[in-house]
C-alpha cells in the first residue's frame, strides 16, 4: 500500500513560530496559547533562511506552513511572509482572523494560502465573514471550519452563509481532535460524518504559480480527500516507510527541528544553534495519529 503526494518534487516545512494566542479553545492546549515562546525579535530571520536553503537543496519546490499561537500577533509576520516567498516557494499560514478589519484591509496582495480557522467558542461570525470578504482577492483564502459536534449546527450555518455570499474562497469543514496535541477525534454521529465528507466549497481565485501545490495525495493510485482518509481511519502509519525528513520538516516552538510533528527519529538539531538534516527515509515508530494534513499526505508506503 502506498500514499504518494501529488507533487513529489516539493518539500513541506512547518515553522511553529510562537505560542501566543488571543483564543484559548477548549480543544487546544497551553503549548499553543501559553505564551512561553515569543516571536523572533526584529528581523532576525537568518536561521530560518538557512534551514529553508538546506531544504531547497533537496527539493525543487517548497511549501512552507507558518503556525502559532496566533501568527499575526507577531508585528513583522506579513513582512516575513513576503520576504521568504518566491516563484518556487509557496507560503501557507493559519490565523483565527481576529485582527481588526483595518489590519486586514491594509495588507497587500501576496502569494500565499491563508487558512482562516473558525472556532465556535471565540469567533465573532460577522467579523469572520467580513475578513474573508476583504482577503478573498489578496491571497488564496480558505475557511477552515472546526466542526465541534456540540456546535455542529452553527458550523453548518457558517458554511451556508459563505456559500450564499458567493465568496471567492475555499471552505473546508474539518473533523476536530479532542485535544490538538493528542490522538483521537471527537465523536460524531452518522449524519455528521456524512455531512463532513460530502460538503466542500471552492470558488477560490488560485495563485499564479505554475507548479502543483502538494495538498492532495493518491492512495494506491486513487485521489482521496483528507476528510475521507480520516473518516476511514487512515491516519496511523506505524511501520510504514516515510519520506519525513527528506520531504517534510517541523520546527517546534522552542526551535527544535524534527522530521514531523510526532518527532519520529528524534531531534535533528535546533534552528538557533546547529542541525543536520537526514539523507534517508525513516520507518515510522509511533502509535500517535498522523492527522495533520501536511503529514497525512506526505509520501509513505508499506
Protein backbone atom coordinates (compact mmCIF):
# COMPACT_ATOMS: atom_id res chain seq x y z
CA UNK A 1 0.00 0.00 0.00
CA UNK A 2 1.28 3.47 -0.77
CA UNK A 3 0.33 7.11 -0.35
CA UNK A 4 2.03 9.35 -2.88
CA UNK A 5 1.95 13.12 -2.60
CA UNK A 6 0.60 14.96 -5.63
CA UNK A 7 3.89 16.85 -6.04
CA UNK A 8 6.84 14.57 -5.20
CA UNK A 9 9.27 17.35 -6.14
CA UNK A 10 8.04 19.57 -3.31
CA UNK A 11 9.28 19.67 0.25
CA UNK A 12 6.94 20.67 3.07
CA UNK A 13 8.13 22.66 6.09
CA UNK A 14 6.26 23.80 9.19
CA UNK A 15 7.53 26.60 11.42
CA UNK A 16 5.81 26.82 14.81
CA UNK A 17 6.95 30.43 15.25
CA UNK A 18 5.49 31.27 18.68
CA UNK A 19 2.79 30.17 21.12
CA UNK A 20 0.98 33.38 21.96
CA UNK A 21 -2.74 33.43 21.14
CA UNK A 22 -5.74 35.56 21.99
CA UNK A 23 -8.01 32.48 21.86
CA UNK A 24 -7.97 29.60 24.35
CA UNK A 25 -10.15 26.98 22.66
CA UNK A 26 -11.15 24.02 24.83
CA UNK A 27 -9.69 21.54 22.33
CA UNK A 28 -6.41 23.42 22.16
CA UNK A 29 -3.52 23.15 24.63
CA UNK A 30 -1.33 25.56 26.55
CA UNK A 31 1.64 24.81 24.33
CA UNK A 32 -0.26 26.65 21.59
CA UNK A 33 -1.54 29.61 23.60
CA UNK A 34 0.55 29.78 26.79
CA UNK A 35 2.93 32.50 25.59
CA UNK A 36 6.10 30.80 26.84
CA UNK A 37 7.86 31.37 23.48
CA UNK A 38 7.66 34.71 21.74
CA UNK A 39 8.25 35.53 18.09
CA UNK A 40 11.67 36.43 16.64
CA UNK A 41 12.91 39.85 17.63
CA UNK A 42 13.12 42.44 14.86
CA UNK A 43 14.19 40.82 11.60
CA UNK A 44 16.44 38.05 12.91
CA UNK A 45 15.44 35.59 10.22
CA UNK A 46 18.83 34.27 9.18
CA UNK A 47 18.44 30.84 10.81
CA UNK A 48 15.03 30.39 9.16
CA UNK A 49 16.55 31.29 5.81
CA UNK A 50 19.48 28.89 6.27
CA UNK A 51 17.16 25.97 7.03
CA UNK A 52 14.98 26.86 4.06
CA UNK A 53 18.10 26.85 1.86
CA UNK A 54 19.02 23.37 3.16
CA UNK A 55 15.60 22.05 2.12
CA UNK A 56 15.89 23.75 -1.26
CA UNK A 57 18.99 21.64 -1.92
CA UNK A 58 16.81 18.51 -1.61
CA UNK A 59 13.62 19.78 -3.26
CA UNK A 60 12.79 21.76 -6.38
CA UNK A 61 9.84 23.45 -4.67
CA UNK A 62 8.95 24.31 -1.08
CA UNK A 63 5.62 24.63 0.67
CA UNK A 64 6.10 26.41 3.99
CA UNK A 65 3.47 26.39 6.71
CA UNK A 66 3.59 29.07 9.43
CA UNK A 67 1.78 28.36 12.70
CA UNK A 68 1.35 29.71 16.24
CA UNK A 69 -0.13 30.69 18.58
CA UNK A 70 -1.86 33.28 16.50
CA UNK A 71 0.87 34.08 13.93
CA UNK A 72 -0.44 37.57 13.09
CA UNK A 73 0.32 38.77 16.63
CA UNK A 74 3.97 38.94 15.52
CA UNK A 75 4.23 42.56 14.29
CA UNK A 76 6.61 41.53 11.47
CA UNK A 77 4.62 38.48 10.42
CA UNK A 78 3.41 39.57 6.99
CA UNK A 79 6.74 41.20 6.23
CA UNK A 80 8.36 37.82 6.90
CA UNK A 81 5.81 36.07 4.66
CA UNK A 82 6.62 38.39 1.76
CA UNK A 83 10.36 38.02 2.37
CA UNK A 84 10.53 34.21 2.18
CA UNK A 85 8.10 33.63 -0.69
CA UNK A 86 9.40 33.37 -4.26
CA UNK A 87 8.48 31.66 -7.53
CA UNK A 88 9.39 28.21 -6.14
CA UNK A 89 8.35 28.77 -2.53
CA UNK A 90 4.71 28.96 -1.52
CA UNK A 91 3.55 30.02 1.94
CA UNK A 92 0.57 28.79 3.92
CA UNK A 93 -0.34 30.40 7.21
CA UNK A 94 -3.11 29.79 9.68
CA UNK A 95 -4.93 32.53 11.55
CA UNK A 96 -8.10 32.93 13.54
CA UNK A 97 -8.78 36.15 11.62
CA UNK A 98 -9.47 38.10 14.79
CA UNK A 99 -7.29 41.12 14.00
CA UNK A 100 -9.23 44.27 13.16
CA UNK A 101 -10.74 44.85 9.73
CA UNK A 102 -8.30 47.75 9.39
CA UNK A 103 -5.40 45.32 9.87
CA UNK A 104 -6.59 43.01 7.08
CA UNK A 105 -7.59 45.89 4.82
CA UNK A 106 -4.11 47.40 4.77
CA UNK A 107 -2.35 44.16 3.74
CA UNK A 108 -1.00 43.96 0.21
CA UNK A 109 -1.93 41.02 -2.04
CA UNK A 110 0.73 38.30 -1.72
CA UNK A 111 1.45 34.78 -2.96
CA UNK A 112 0.19 32.63 -0.13
CA UNK A 113 -2.64 30.50 1.14
CA UNK A 114 -4.27 31.88 4.28
CA UNK A 115 -6.29 29.41 6.33
CA UNK A 116 -8.82 31.28 8.45
CA UNK A 117 -9.85 28.92 11.22
CA UNK A 118 -13.35 29.22 12.64
CA UNK A 119 -13.64 28.37 16.34
CA UNK A 120 -17.16 28.38 17.75
CA UNK A 121 -16.10 29.37 21.29
CA UNK A 122 -14.38 32.63 20.36
CA UNK A 123 -15.05 33.60 16.75
CA UNK A 124 -17.35 36.54 16.01
CA UNK A 125 -19.23 35.22 12.97
CA UNK A 126 -19.91 38.60 11.37
CA UNK A 127 -16.30 39.72 11.78
CA UNK A 128 -15.08 36.39 10.39
CA UNK A 129 -17.23 36.76 7.26
CA UNK A 130 -16.09 40.35 6.75
CA UNK A 131 -12.42 39.34 7.00
CA UNK A 132 -12.94 36.61 4.40
CA UNK A 133 -14.55 39.17 2.10
CA UNK A 134 -11.58 41.52 2.48
CA UNK A 135 -8.95 38.83 1.95
CA UNK A 136 -10.56 36.78 -0.84
CA UNK A 137 -8.64 38.54 -3.62
CA UNK A 138 -5.40 39.16 -1.69
CA UNK A 139 -4.43 35.53 -1.06
CA UNK A 140 -5.69 32.03 -1.75
CA UNK A 141 -8.26 32.22 1.02
CA UNK A 142 -9.54 29.12 2.83
CA UNK A 143 -12.10 28.96 5.61
CA UNK A 144 -11.32 26.03 7.89
CA UNK A 145 -14.41 25.29 9.97
CA UNK A 146 -13.53 23.41 13.16
CA UNK A 147 -16.70 21.34 13.36
CA UNK A 148 -17.29 20.51 17.02
CA UNK A 149 -20.25 18.12 17.49
CA UNK A 150 -21.89 20.28 20.16
CA UNK A 151 -21.83 23.32 17.84
CA UNK A 152 -22.30 21.45 14.58
CA UNK A 153 -25.45 23.32 13.53
CA UNK A 154 -23.73 26.67 13.96
CA UNK A 155 -20.85 25.44 11.83
CA UNK A 156 -23.28 24.35 9.14
CA UNK A 157 -24.89 27.79 9.20
CA UNK A 158 -21.48 29.41 8.74
CA UNK A 159 -20.84 27.15 5.75
CA UNK A 160 -24.22 28.10 4.26
CA UNK A 161 -23.63 31.83 4.81
CA UNK A 162 -20.31 31.68 2.95
CA UNK A 163 -21.93 29.82 0.06
CA UNK A 164 -24.86 32.24 -0.04
CA UNK A 165 -22.48 35.22 -0.21
CA UNK A 166 -20.66 33.56 -3.09
CA UNK A 167 -17.29 34.35 -1.56
CA UNK A 168 -14.32 33.56 -3.82
CA UNK A 169 -12.72 31.24 -1.31
CA UNK A 170 -12.39 27.58 -0.38
CA UNK A 171 -14.32 26.15 2.57
CA UNK A 172 -13.18 23.01 4.39
CA UNK A 173 -15.35 21.69 7.23
CA UNK A 174 -12.94 19.79 9.45
CA UNK A 175 -13.04 16.96 11.94
CA UNK A 176 -11.75 18.21 15.30
CA UNK A 177 -9.49 16.32 17.66
CA UNK A 178 -10.41 16.08 21.35
CA UNK A 179 -7.14 17.86 22.03
CA UNK A 180 -4.93 19.30 19.33
CA UNK A 181 -1.82 17.83 20.99
CA UNK A 182 -3.22 14.32 21.47
CA UNK A 183 -4.60 11.45 19.43
CA UNK A 184 -8.29 10.84 18.92
CA UNK A 185 -11.18 12.74 17.40
CA UNK A 186 -14.41 13.96 18.91
CA UNK A 187 -17.38 11.64 18.49
CA UNK A 188 -19.59 12.42 15.51
CA UNK A 189 -22.90 10.77 14.72
CA UNK A 190 -23.64 9.19 11.36
CA UNK A 191 -25.38 12.26 9.98
CA UNK A 192 -22.45 14.49 10.95
CA UNK A 193 -19.97 12.08 9.36
CA UNK A 194 -22.00 12.13 6.16
CA UNK A 195 -22.20 15.93 6.11
CA UNK A 196 -18.45 16.34 6.72
CA UNK A 197 -17.50 14.01 3.88
CA UNK A 198 -19.95 15.47 1.36
CA UNK A 199 -19.60 19.23 1.87
CA UNK A 200 -16.83 21.18 0.23
CA UNK A 201 -17.00 24.57 -1.45
CA UNK A 202 -14.43 26.10 -3.74
CA UNK A 203 -14.59 29.32 -5.70
CA UNK A 204 -11.06 30.30 -4.83
CA UNK A 205 -9.10 32.56 -7.13
CA UNK A 206 -5.95 30.50 -7.46
CA UNK A 207 -2.43 31.84 -7.35
CA UNK A 208 -0.38 32.30 -10.48
CA UNK A 209 2.35 29.75 -9.73
CA UNK A 210 2.98 27.22 -12.49
CA UNK A 211 3.57 24.14 -10.31
CA UNK A 212 1.23 21.88 -8.35
CA UNK A 213 0.82 22.50 -4.65
CA UNK A 214 1.36 19.35 -2.52
CA UNK A 215 -2.10 19.41 -0.95
CA UNK A 216 -3.51 16.15 -2.30
CA UNK A 217 -2.44 12.53 -2.20
CA UNK A 218 -3.02 9.39 -4.23
CA UNK A 219 -3.81 6.28 -2.20
CA UNK A 220 -2.85 3.24 -4.27
CA UNK A 221 -3.23 5.42 -7.35
CA UNK A 222 -6.63 6.88 -6.45
CA UNK A 223 -7.07 10.52 -5.39
CA UNK A 224 -8.63 10.62 -1.91
CA UNK A 225 -9.69 13.67 0.14
CA UNK A 226 -8.15 14.15 3.56
CA UNK A 227 -11.58 14.07 5.27
CA UNK A 228 -12.28 10.69 3.68
CA UNK A 229 -8.89 9.37 4.84
CA UNK A 230 -9.65 10.45 8.41
CA UNK A 231 -13.18 9.03 8.27
CA UNK A 232 -11.70 5.70 7.19
CA UNK A 233 -9.10 5.78 9.98
CA UNK A 234 -6.21 6.29 7.58
CA UNK A 235 -4.01 8.36 9.88
CA UNK A 236 -1.86 5.82 11.73
CA UNK A 237 1.31 4.76 9.94
CA UNK A 238 3.45 2.81 12.39
CA UNK A 239 5.74 0.51 10.42
CA UNK A 240 5.43 2.48 7.20
CA UNK A 241 8.47 3.84 5.38
CA UNK A 242 8.05 7.62 5.29
CA UNK A 243 9.77 10.45 3.45
CA UNK A 244 9.60 12.72 6.52
CA UNK A 245 12.98 14.39 6.95
CA UNK A 246 13.51 14.46 3.19
CA UNK A 247 10.18 15.88 2.07
CA UNK A 248 8.96 17.06 5.47
CA UNK A 249 10.40 19.11 8.37
CA UNK A 250 8.83 20.51 11.51
CA UNK A 251 10.38 23.26 13.65
CA UNK A 252 8.86 23.35 17.12
CA UNK A 253 8.20 26.48 19.15
CA UNK A 254 11.50 26.04 21.05
CA UNK A 255 13.47 25.81 17.79
CA UNK A 256 13.97 22.03 17.84
CA UNK A 257 13.89 20.54 14.34
CA UNK A 258 12.15 17.22 13.68
CA UNK A 259 11.17 15.16 10.68
CA UNK A 260 7.49 15.59 11.65
CA UNK A 261 5.24 16.80 14.46
CA UNK A 262 5.31 13.34 16.07
CA UNK A 263 9.10 13.71 16.45
CA UNK A 264 9.83 10.33 14.87
CA UNK A 265 13.59 9.74 14.88
CA UNK A 266 14.27 12.42 17.47
CA UNK A 267 15.67 15.93 17.14
CA UNK A 268 17.77 16.90 14.13
CA UNK A 269 19.16 19.92 15.97
CA UNK A 270 17.96 23.40 16.83
CA UNK A 271 17.30 26.27 14.46
CA UNK A 272 19.02 28.64 16.89
CA UNK A 273 22.27 26.64 17.02
CA UNK A 274 23.18 23.76 14.69
CA UNK A 275 21.37 20.99 12.84
CA UNK A 276 21.98 18.08 10.49
CA UNK A 277 19.26 17.05 8.06
CA UNK A 278 18.85 13.33 7.22
CA UNK A 279 19.60 11.79 3.86
CA UNK A 280 17.40 8.68 4.21
CA UNK A 281 13.72 7.91 4.69
CA UNK A 282 12.58 6.62 8.06
CA UNK A 283 10.33 3.82 9.31
CA UNK A 284 7.56 5.30 11.45
CA UNK A 285 7.62 4.03 15.05
CA UNK A 286 4.76 5.94 16.66
CA UNK A 287 1.22 4.90 17.54
CA UNK A 288 0.10 8.54 17.52
CA UNK A 289 -2.34 9.87 14.94
CA UNK A 290 -0.68 11.39 11.90
CA UNK A 291 -3.69 13.65 11.43
CA UNK A 292 -2.06 16.91 10.38
CA UNK A 293 -2.87 17.47 6.72
CA UNK A 294 0.70 18.05 5.58
CA UNK A 295 1.85 14.81 7.21
CA UNK A 296 -1.03 12.54 6.27
CA UNK A 297 -0.41 13.27 2.59
CA UNK A 298 3.40 13.06 2.62
CA UNK A 299 4.58 10.08 0.55
CA UNK A 300 4.84 6.83 2.51
CA UNK A 301 4.40 3.13 1.89
CA UNK A 302 4.42 -0.31 3.49
